Amino acid sequence: MSSTASSNTQKARDAKEEIKPWIRRLARFGYMAKGVVYALVGILAFMAAIGVGGKTTGTSGMLKSLAGVPSGNIILWIIGIGLICYIGWVFIKAIKDPTNEGKGAKGIISRVGYMVSGVVYGALALKAINIASSAGSSSGGGGSKQTMSAKLLAQPFGAWIIGAIGVIIIGYGLYEFIGGATQKFLKKFRTGEMDHHEYKVAKNSGTAGLIARGSVLGLIGYFFVQTALTSDASQAKGLDGALSEVASNPFGQWILGVVAAGLILYGVYQIIRGRYEHMSFGKRK
């Protein structure tokens, strides 16, 4: 064997060893925690849609609701720790590029997206841990988004920044919608290790879940763009606002029920993703 071939073989071995088994286990736990978050948001929204309690809330609101149920604080700690594990994996993807996003424009955008996702879920993890620590005594966070938007609007080019955020959110929502509709997400899974039932659940939950989440993200992005165009911070809405907006339209409760079911399935998809996603360097076969 030539020295060049030997060197390439050694590099391949080193790459495979960079992601340790314990990191993969924590990452899988993180995906499952993320799945639980969305499944619970979907359940609350679905209950609101069929009129048996529940409410159209976002992730932060769901965490506050969870604090009021038996053993809720324990679940909050598990979710918070799980999301921290997820954040760790997201930053590894952004820095080490195990999924071969590359150094081109598309790869850079994807990796920046991972960093932003890490920050967003980092805030959510801290929220879960803070609520668990304070026994759910923290105040509602519905106004914080508007306060942040108002502060941005008061800055030079603040409206442009908010508008850009909205466009990015819409773009990512479209990306997830298309990914669900085309079922490209299945390439992320080690499908050879799935039995027929697991594959079917992964395919169906991923399809419906990504389409639902992509649609909701598109609506959230639209609200941000409206905020930028009108300079009205009250136009800024998160997941809770998007779900409430859906419910306020004609046949809104029916549509809300469908979207809520989609978010539940998105949670199921994330849990399955935690079990079967490829987590190694190098191109997947």
Protein backbone atom coordinates (compact mmCIF):
# COMPACT_ATOMS: atom_id res chain seq x y z
CA MET A 1 0.00 0.00 0.00
CA SER A 2 1.35 3.46 -0.91
CA SER A 3 1.98 6.11 1.73
CA THR A 4 -0.83 8.23 0.26
CA ALA A 5 -3.34 5.39 0.48
CA SER A 6 -2.19 4.59 4.00
CA SER A 7 -2.61 8.23 5.00
CA ASN A 8 -6.13 8.35 3.56
CA THR A 9 -7.06 5.16 5.39
CA GLN A 10 -5.79 6.59 8.66
CA LYS A 11 -7.74 9.82 8.11
CA ALA A 12 -10.90 7.80 7.51
CA ARG A 13 -10.33 5.88 10.73
CA ASP A 14 -9.69 9.08 12.65
CA ALA A 15 -12.89 10.64 11.27
CA LYS A 16 -14.99 7.68 12.34
CA GLU A 17 -13.52 7.89 15.82
CA GLU A 18 -14.23 11.61 16.24
CA ILE A 19 -17.85 11.04 17.28
CA LYS A 20 -17.62 8.95 20.40
CA PRO A 21 -20.43 6.53 21.27
CA TRP A 22 -21.38 8.54 24.37
CA ILE A 23 -21.80 11.69 22.23
CA ARG A 24 -24.10 9.81 19.87
CA ARG A 25 -26.15 8.55 22.81
CA LEU A 26 -26.54 12.06 24.20
CA ALA A 27 -27.48 13.38 20.75
CA ARG A 28 -30.13 10.69 20.35
CA PHE A 29 -31.52 11.55 23.79
CA GLY A 30 -31.59 15.19 22.67
CA TYR A 31 -33.66 14.43 19.56
CA MET A 32 -36.11 12.50 21.71
CA ALA A 33 -36.42 15.42 24.16
CA LYS A 34 -37.13 17.76 21.25
CA GLY A 35 -39.75 15.30 20.04
CA VAL A 36 -41.45 15.26 23.43
CA VAL A 37 -41.62 19.08 23.41
CA TYR A 38 -43.41 19.23 20.06
CA ALA A 39 -45.65 16.28 20.83
CA LEU A 40 -46.84 17.99 24.03
CA VAL A 41 -47.44 21.30 22.21
CA GLY A 42 -49.44 19.38 19.62
CA ILE A 43 -51.45 17.54 22.27
CA LEU A 44 -52.41 20.79 24.04
CA ALA A 45 -53.42 22.38 20.73
CA PHE A 46 -55.40 19.29 19.68
CA MET A 47 -57.25 19.29 23.01
CA ALA A 48 -58.11 22.96 22.43
CA ALA A 49 -59.32 22.16 18.90
CA ILE A 50 -61.74 19.46 20.05
CA GLY A 51 -62.87 21.44 23.10
CA VAL A 52 -61.62 19.24 25.94
CA GLY A 53 -59.23 21.69 27.57
CA GLY A 54 -55.73 22.46 26.42
CA LYS A 55 -54.69 25.68 24.68
CA THR A 56 -52.91 27.01 21.63
CA THR A 57 -49.54 27.60 23.21
CA GLY A 58 -45.93 27.68 22.10
CA THR A 59 -43.03 25.74 23.52
CA SER A 60 -42.53 28.11 26.47
CA GLY A 61 -46.22 28.06 27.33
CA MET A 62 -46.25 24.27 27.14
CA LEU A 63 -43.38 24.13 29.63
CA LYS A 64 -45.31 26.33 32.07
CA SER A 65 -48.37 24.13 31.68
CA LEU A 66 -46.25 21.07 32.31
CA ALA A 67 -45.06 22.50 35.64
CA GLY A 68 -48.61 22.25 36.98
CA VAL A 69 -49.09 18.51 36.44
CA PRO A 70 -47.97 15.73 38.80
CA SER A 71 -44.24 15.03 38.38
CA GLY A 72 -44.14 17.93 35.92
CA ASN A 73 -40.92 19.33 37.37
CA ILE A 74 -39.15 16.02 36.88
CA ILE A 75 -40.29 15.94 33.25
CA LEU A 76 -39.09 19.56 32.85
CA TRP A 77 -35.64 18.62 34.15
CA ILE A 78 -35.47 15.68 31.74
CA ILE A 79 -36.55 17.91 28.83
CA GLY A 80 -34.07 20.64 29.81
CA ILE A 81 -31.16 18.22 30.07
CA GLY A 82 -32.24 16.45 26.89
CA LEU A 83 -32.33 19.72 24.96
CA ILE A 84 -28.84 20.56 26.21
CA CYS A 85 -27.71 17.23 24.73
CA TYR A 86 -29.45 18.16 21.47
CA ILE A 87 -27.71 21.55 21.44
CA GLY A 88 -24.34 19.85 21.83
CA TRP A 89 -25.00 17.72 18.75
CA VAL A 90 -26.24 20.72 16.77
CA PHE A 91 -23.02 22.61 17.49
CA ILE A 92 -20.97 19.55 16.52
CA LYS A 93 -22.83 19.53 13.19
CA ALA A 94 -22.13 23.23 12.74
CA ILE A 95 -18.43 23.04 13.61
CA LYS A 96 -17.29 19.55 12.57
CA ASP A 97 -19.72 19.07 9.64
CA PRO A 98 -20.38 15.33 10.09
CA THR A 99 -23.24 15.52 7.59
CA ASN A 100 -20.96 16.81 4.80
CA GLU A 101 -22.72 20.12 4.26
CA GLY A 102 -19.47 21.39 2.75
CA LYS A 103 -17.87 24.84 2.62
CA GLY A 104 -19.94 26.21 -0.25
CA ALA A 105 -22.73 28.76 0.14
CA LYS A 106 -25.36 26.10 0.80
CA GLY A 107 -23.18 24.37 3.38
CA ILE A 108 -22.37 27.61 5.17
CA ILE A 109 -26.05 28.57 5.33
CA SER A 110 -26.90 25.14 6.74
CA ARG A 111 -24.19 25.33 9.37
CA VAL A 112 -25.16 28.86 10.39
CA GLY A 113 -28.70 27.53 10.67
CA TYR A 114 -27.46 24.85 13.07
CA MET A 115 -25.82 27.53 15.21
CA VAL A 116 -29.04 29.58 15.31
CA SER A 117 -31.01 26.44 16.17
CA GLY A 118 -28.58 25.76 19.00
CA VAL A 119 -29.14 29.24 20.44
CA VAL A 120 -32.94 28.94 20.16
CA TYR A 121 -33.08 25.54 21.83
CA GLY A 122 -30.51 26.70 24.37
CA ALA A 123 -32.96 29.38 25.49
CA LEU A 124 -35.72 26.77 25.63
CA ALA A 125 -33.55 24.41 27.70
CA LEU A 126 -32.81 27.22 30.17
CA LYS A 127 -36.51 28.04 30.30
CA ALA A 128 -37.37 24.43 31.16
CA ILE A 129 -34.73 24.28 33.89
CA ASN A 130 -35.71 27.68 35.31
CA ILE A 131 -39.40 26.73 35.48
CA ALA A 132 -38.52 23.42 37.10
CA SER A 133 -36.28 25.20 39.62
CA SER A 134 -38.90 27.82 40.49
CA ALA A 135 -41.80 25.34 40.61
CA GLY A 136 -43.51 27.05 37.69
CA SER A 137 -43.60 30.51 39.29
CA SER A 138 -42.06 32.31 36.29
CA SER A 139 -44.31 34.74 34.46
CA GLY A 140 -45.72 34.25 31.00
CA GLY A 141 -43.37 34.89 28.11
CA GLY A 142 -45.90 36.01 25.52
CA GLY A 143 -44.84 39.67 25.79
CA SER A 144 -41.11 39.09 25.62
CA LYS A 145 -41.21 38.47 21.87
CA GLN A 146 -43.03 41.76 21.35
CA THR A 147 -40.61 43.56 23.68
CA MET A 148 -37.65 42.24 21.72
CA SER A 149 -39.31 43.28 18.48
CA ALA A 150 -40.05 46.75 19.87
CA LYS A 151 -36.43 47.17 20.90
CA LEU A 152 -35.26 46.11 17.46
CA LEU A 153 -37.69 48.48 15.75
CA ALA A 154 -36.23 51.35 17.77
CA GLN A 155 -32.76 50.65 16.37
CA PRO A 156 -31.37 51.80 13.01
CA PHE A 157 -32.20 49.18 10.39
CA GLY A 158 -34.21 47.31 13.05
CA ALA A 159 -37.16 46.80 10.71
CA TRP A 160 -34.82 45.40 8.07
CA ILE A 161 -33.38 42.94 10.60
CA ILE A 162 -36.85 41.79 11.66
CA GLY A 163 -37.88 41.46 8.03
CA ALA A 164 -34.76 39.42 7.26
CA ILE A 165 -35.51 37.14 10.22
CA GLY A 166 -39.02 36.66 8.87
CA VAL A 167 -37.76 35.78 5.39
CA ILE A 168 -35.28 33.28 6.86
CA ILE A 169 -38.03 31.64 8.92
CA ILE A 170 -40.28 31.43 5.86
CA GLY A 171 -37.41 29.92 3.87
CA TYR A 172 -36.71 27.31 6.51
CA GLY A 173 -40.42 26.53 6.77
CA LEU A 174 -40.52 26.00 3.01
CA TYR A 175 -37.44 23.79 3.28
CA GLU A 176 -39.12 21.61 5.91
CA PHE A 177 -42.39 21.53 3.98
CA ILE A 178 -40.64 20.35 0.81
CA GLY A 179 -38.53 17.89 2.79
CA GLY A 180 -41.71 16.35 4.20
CA ALA A 181 -43.58 16.34 0.90
CA THR A 182 -40.68 14.70 -0.99
CA GLN A 183 -39.75 12.42 1.95
CA LYS A 184 -36.08 13.29 1.55
CA PHE A 185 -35.76 13.09 5.34
CA LEU A 186 -35.67 9.30 5.05
CA LYS A 187 -32.09 9.60 3.79
CA LYS A 188 -31.13 10.62 7.32
CA PHE A 189 -32.25 7.29 8.74
CA ARG A 190 -30.52 3.94 8.99
CA THR A 191 -33.51 2.35 7.30
CA GLY A 192 -31.78 -1.01 6.99
CA GLU A 193 -32.11 -1.42 10.76
CA MET A 194 -35.86 -0.71 10.75
CA ASP A 195 -38.58 -3.31 10.49
CA HIS A 196 -41.57 -2.63 8.22
CA HIS A 197 -43.69 -1.06 10.98
CA GLU A 198 -40.92 1.28 12.16
CA TYR A 199 -40.20 2.39 8.60
CA LYS A 200 -43.88 3.09 7.97
CA VAL A 201 -44.24 5.13 11.18
CA ALA A 202 -41.06 7.07 10.38
CA LYS A 203 -42.21 7.82 6.83
CA ASN A 204 -45.76 8.85 7.75
CA SER A 205 -44.88 10.86 10.87
CA GLY A 206 -42.01 12.61 9.11
CA THR A 207 -44.13 13.49 6.09
CA ALA A 208 -47.07 14.89 8.05
CA GLY A 209 -44.93 16.38 10.80
CA LEU A 210 -42.54 18.29 8.56
CA ILE A 211 -45.38 19.60 6.38
CA ALA A 212 -47.23 20.81 9.50
CA ARG A 213 -44.19 22.41 11.11
CA GLY A 214 -43.11 23.94 7.81
CA SER A 215 -46.56 25.51 7.42
CA VAL A 216 -46.51 26.93 10.95
CA LEU A 217 -42.99 28.31 10.49
CA GLY A 218 -44.12 29.97 7.27
CA LEU A 219 -46.94 31.67 9.19
CA ILE A 220 -44.56 32.79 11.96
CA GLY A 221 -42.19 34.22 9.36
CA TYR A 222 -45.11 36.08 7.76
CA PHE A 223 -45.88 37.73 11.10
CA PHE A 224 -42.27 38.90 11.38
CA VAL A 225 -42.40 40.38 7.90
CA GLN A 226 -45.65 42.14 8.80
CA THR A 227 -43.94 43.57 11.88
CA ALA A 228 -41.16 44.96 9.70
CA LEU A 229 -43.59 46.45 7.15
CA THR A 230 -45.94 48.04 9.68
CA SER A 231 -43.37 48.86 12.40
CA ASP A 232 -45.90 47.38 14.82
CA ALA A 233 -44.27 45.09 17.36
CA SER A 234 -47.64 43.54 18.24
CA GLN A 235 -47.60 41.82 14.84
CA ALA A 236 -44.71 39.59 15.95
CA LYS A 237 -45.98 36.16 16.94
CA GLY A 238 -44.38 32.85 17.79
CA LEU A 239 -45.76 29.33 17.69
CA ASP A 240 -48.59 30.19 20.10
CA GLY A 241 -49.64 33.19 18.02
CA ALA A 242 -49.52 31.18 14.81
CA LEU A 243 -51.75 28.46 16.26
CA SER A 244 -54.19 31.05 17.65
CA GLU A 245 -54.32 32.72 14.23
CA VAL A 246 -55.15 29.39 12.62
CA ALA A 247 -57.96 28.81 15.13
CA SER A 248 -59.49 32.27 14.50
CA ASN A 249 -60.20 31.61 10.82
CA PRO A 250 -63.33 30.00 9.31
CA PHE A 251 -63.17 26.26 10.02
CA GLY A 252 -60.20 27.23 12.21
CA GLN A 253 -60.86 24.57 14.85
CA TRP A 254 -60.75 21.86 12.18
CA ILE A 255 -57.57 23.27 10.67
CA LEU A 256 -56.06 23.66 14.14
CA GLY A 257 -56.84 20.02 14.84
CA VAL A 258 -55.05 18.94 11.66
CA VAL A 259 -52.02 21.16 12.39
CA ALA A 260 -51.93 19.99 16.01
CA ALA A 261 -51.98 16.35 14.88
CA GLY A 262 -49.14 17.22 12.51
CA LEU A 263 -47.09 18.68 15.37
CA ILE A 264 -47.69 15.54 17.41
CA LEU A 265 -46.44 13.49 14.48
CA TYR A 266 -43.45 15.83 14.15
CA GLY A 267 -42.64 14.94 17.75
CA VAL A 268 -42.93 11.25 16.92
CA TYR A 269 -40.64 11.80 13.92
CA GLN A 270 -38.01 13.46 16.13
CA ILE A 271 -38.15 10.58 18.60
CA ILE A 272 -37.65 8.07 15.78
CA ARG A 273 -34.90 10.28 14.40
CA GLY A 274 -33.15 10.02 17.73
CA ARG A 275 -33.20 6.25 17.44
CA TYR A 276 -32.23 5.81 13.80
CA GLU A 277 -30.46 8.90 12.43
CA HIS A 278 -27.00 8.47 10.89
CA MET A 279 -24.45 9.92 13.30
CA SER A 280 -21.01 9.47 11.81
CA PHE A 281 -18.58 11.40 9.69
CA GLY A 282 -18.18 10.70 6.01
CA LYS A 283 -20.67 10.32 3.20
CA ARG A 284 -23.55 7.97 3.83
CA LYS A 285 -23.91 5.04 1.52
